Amino acid sequence: MTSQNLQPSHWRYTELDDRNFQVQGQTLFYVVVLFATVLLVTLLFHYARWVCRHHSPPPETSHGAANAPLPRPSLGLDAAAIDRLPIVLHGGAPSEVEEAGECSICLGEFEDGEKVKVLPQCGHRYHCGCVDQWLATRSVCPLCRAPLPVDSAGP
């Protein structure tokens, strides 16, 4: 290569004008106000979280003890209502209600002659043990969520 092809690069420091990078007084004022606003909102948010978390009133109980847990209402059926559900023997051919002849709780297939419980509202069938555990905590059908009567008077 010849020296004619290589041209030295000349930096022109005069083209960089520091006046383009100066912050004007009005811009600085807006930046400070914006920063202060964000800081104030953040502090108010954290204060509100602290107040809600640490200064909530204690739960009232009928016994007067502030630290005693409240009794949780039972959402399921009682044992007598679960025992009154009809039990049938599973046949070989699936009906319209039970599509594949399987328990939708444990996904186990029903055997011929096996005892299954039928829910009165919707007619869905389940293994006795599976649906008994389900209905002890919930009073709806596991498949279609049809409500079952919660009272102990019977279905």
Protein backbone atom coordinates (compact mmCIF):
# COMPACT_ATOMS: atom_id res chain seq x y z
CA MET A 1 0.00 0.00 0.00
CA THR A 2 1.11 3.41 -0.70
CA SER A 3 1.01 6.34 1.56
CA GLN A 4 -1.30 8.15 -0.82
CA ASN A 5 -4.22 5.82 0.00
CA LEU A 6 -3.85 6.28 3.72
CA GLN A 7 -5.11 9.59 4.85
CA PRO A 8 -4.62 10.60 8.42
CA SER A 9 -7.85 11.15 10.30
CA HIS A 10 -8.25 14.64 11.60
CA TRP A 11 -10.34 15.13 14.66
CA ARG A 12 -12.16 18.34 14.74
CA TYR A 13 -12.68 19.12 18.36
CA THR A 14 -14.22 22.41 17.45
CA GLU A 15 -17.29 20.61 16.08
CA LEU A 16 -18.20 19.31 19.52
CA ASP A 17 -20.01 22.14 21.15
CA ASP A 18 -20.57 21.83 24.87
CA ARG A 19 -23.46 24.23 24.66
CA ASN A 20 -25.60 21.41 23.21
CA PHE A 21 -25.17 19.40 26.41
CA GLN A 22 -26.01 22.16 28.86
CA VAL A 23 -29.07 21.79 31.01
CA GLN A 24 -31.16 24.90 30.96
CA GLY A 25 -32.67 26.24 34.17
CA GLN A 26 -36.26 25.39 33.26
CA THR A 27 -35.37 21.80 32.27
CA LEU A 28 -33.49 21.28 35.52
CA PHE A 29 -36.52 22.54 37.45
CA TYR A 30 -38.83 20.03 35.70
CA VAL A 31 -36.42 17.15 36.30
CA VAL A 32 -36.22 17.98 40.01
CA VAL A 33 -40.02 18.28 40.30
CA LEU A 34 -40.53 14.97 38.50
CA PHE A 35 -37.99 13.21 40.74
CA ALA A 36 -39.59 14.67 43.87
CA THR A 37 -43.07 13.57 42.73
CA VAL A 38 -41.95 10.01 42.04
CA LEU A 39 -40.17 9.88 45.40
CA LEU A 40 -43.24 11.23 47.23
CA VAL A 41 -45.61 8.75 45.59
CA THR A 42 -43.25 5.87 46.37
CA LEU A 43 -42.99 6.89 50.01
CA LEU A 44 -46.78 7.24 50.33
CA PHE A 45 -47.27 3.80 48.78
CA HIS A 46 -44.85 2.16 51.21
CA TYR A 47 -46.40 4.00 54.16
CA ALA A 48 -49.89 2.84 53.15
CA ARG A 49 -48.67 -0.78 52.89
CA TRP A 50 -47.06 -0.52 56.32
CA VAL A 51 -50.21 0.94 57.88
CA CYS A 52 -52.45 -1.72 56.35
CA ARG A 53 -50.14 -4.55 57.36
CA HIS A 54 -49.28 -3.53 60.94
CA HIS A 55 -52.22 -1.49 62.15
CA SER A 56 -55.20 -3.60 61.12
CA PRO A 57 -57.64 -4.16 63.98
CA PRO A 58 -57.54 -7.60 65.62
CA PRO A 59 -60.39 -9.93 64.65
CA GLU A 60 -63.26 -9.94 67.12
CA THR A 61 -64.46 -13.24 68.54
CA SER A 62 -67.45 -14.16 70.65
CA HIS A 63 -65.19 -15.23 73.54
CA GLY A 64 -63.34 -11.93 73.64
CA ALA A 65 -59.94 -13.43 72.82
CA ALA A 66 -58.28 -11.34 70.15
CA ASN A 67 -55.79 -13.98 69.03
CA ALA A 68 -58.20 -16.92 68.77
CA PRO A 69 -58.81 -18.04 65.19
CA LEU A 70 -62.32 -17.68 63.84
CA PRO A 71 -64.16 -20.94 63.22
CA ARG A 72 -64.22 -21.74 59.53
CA PRO A 73 -67.65 -22.62 58.19
CA SER A 74 -67.91 -26.05 56.66
CA LEU A 75 -68.61 -25.85 52.95
CA GLY A 76 -69.08 -29.58 52.47
CA LEU A 77 -71.84 -32.01 53.22
CA ASP A 78 -72.11 -33.74 56.56
CA ALA A 79 -71.45 -37.47 56.81
CA ALA A 80 -75.15 -38.35 57.08
CA ALA A 81 -75.99 -36.53 53.84
CA ILE A 82 -73.07 -38.20 52.04
CA ASP A 83 -74.20 -41.64 53.25
CA ARG A 84 -77.72 -41.02 51.90
CA LEU A 85 -76.51 -40.59 48.32
CA PRO A 86 -77.68 -43.46 46.09
CA ILE A 87 -75.23 -46.28 45.37
CA VAL A 88 -75.68 -48.38 42.23
CA LEU A 89 -73.80 -51.22 40.58
CA HIS A 90 -71.90 -50.22 37.49
CA GLY A 91 -73.07 -52.00 34.35
CA GLY A 92 -71.07 -52.82 31.20
CA ALA A 93 -72.53 -50.29 28.74
CA PRO A 94 -71.89 -46.60 29.39
CA SER A 95 -74.98 -44.40 29.62
CA GLU A 96 -75.47 -40.88 28.28
CA VAL A 97 -74.36 -39.30 31.56
CA GLU A 98 -71.18 -41.32 32.04
CA GLU A 99 -69.26 -41.10 28.80
CA ALA A 100 -66.25 -43.37 29.32
CA GLY A 101 -67.26 -45.24 32.49
CA GLU A 102 -64.56 -43.67 34.63
CA CYS A 103 -64.43 -41.70 37.83
CA SER A 104 -63.54 -38.12 36.95
CA ILE A 105 -61.92 -37.59 40.35
CA CYS A 106 -59.32 -40.40 40.30
CA LEU A 107 -59.60 -41.11 36.54
CA GLY A 108 -59.95 -44.82 37.31
CA GLU A 109 -62.32 -46.87 35.15
CA PHE A 110 -65.37 -48.50 36.69
CA GLU A 111 -65.31 -52.30 36.80
CA ASP A 112 -68.44 -54.32 36.02
CA GLY A 113 -70.41 -54.84 39.21
CA GLU A 114 -68.50 -52.13 41.12
CA LYS A 115 -70.47 -49.92 43.51
CA VAL A 116 -70.57 -46.27 42.44
CA LYS A 117 -72.33 -43.27 43.93
CA VAL A 118 -74.70 -41.27 41.75
CA LEU A 119 -75.21 -37.58 42.48
CA PRO A 120 -78.94 -36.80 42.42
CA GLN A 121 -78.79 -33.36 40.80
CA CYS A 122 -76.81 -34.28 37.68
CA GLY A 123 -76.54 -38.07 37.62
CA HIS A 124 -72.72 -38.17 37.45
CA ARG A 125 -71.13 -41.31 38.89
CA TYR A 126 -68.01 -41.63 41.04
CA HIS A 127 -66.18 -44.17 43.19
CA CYS A 128 -67.66 -44.05 46.69
CA GLY A 129 -64.36 -43.19 48.42
CA CYS A 130 -63.46 -40.52 45.86
CA VAL A 131 -66.75 -38.63 45.99
CA ASP A 132 -67.03 -38.98 49.78
CA GLN A 133 -63.73 -37.15 50.26
CA TRP A 134 -64.76 -34.51 47.71
CA LEU A 135 -68.19 -33.88 49.25
CA ALA A 136 -66.75 -33.62 52.76
CA THR A 137 -65.09 -30.34 51.70
CA ARG A 138 -67.35 -29.12 48.86
CA SER A 139 -71.07 -29.38 48.19
CA VAL A 140 -70.92 -29.37 44.37
CA CYS A 141 -70.46 -32.02 41.70
CA PRO A 142 -66.76 -32.37 40.79
CA LEU A 143 -67.51 -32.49 37.09
CA CYS A 144 -70.30 -30.00 36.36
CA ARG A 145 -70.33 -28.03 39.66
CA ALA A 146 -74.06 -28.60 40.14
CA PRO A 147 -74.91 -27.67 43.74
CA LEU A 148 -76.00 -30.40 46.10
CA PRO A 149 -78.30 -29.79 49.07
CA VAL A 150 -76.23 -28.99 52.16
CA ASP A 151 -78.98 -29.74 54.71
CA SER A 152 -79.14 -33.11 56.42
CA ALA A 153 -82.75 -33.71 55.44
CA GLY A 154 -81.68 -35.76 52.45
CA PRO A 155 -81.49 -35.29 48.68
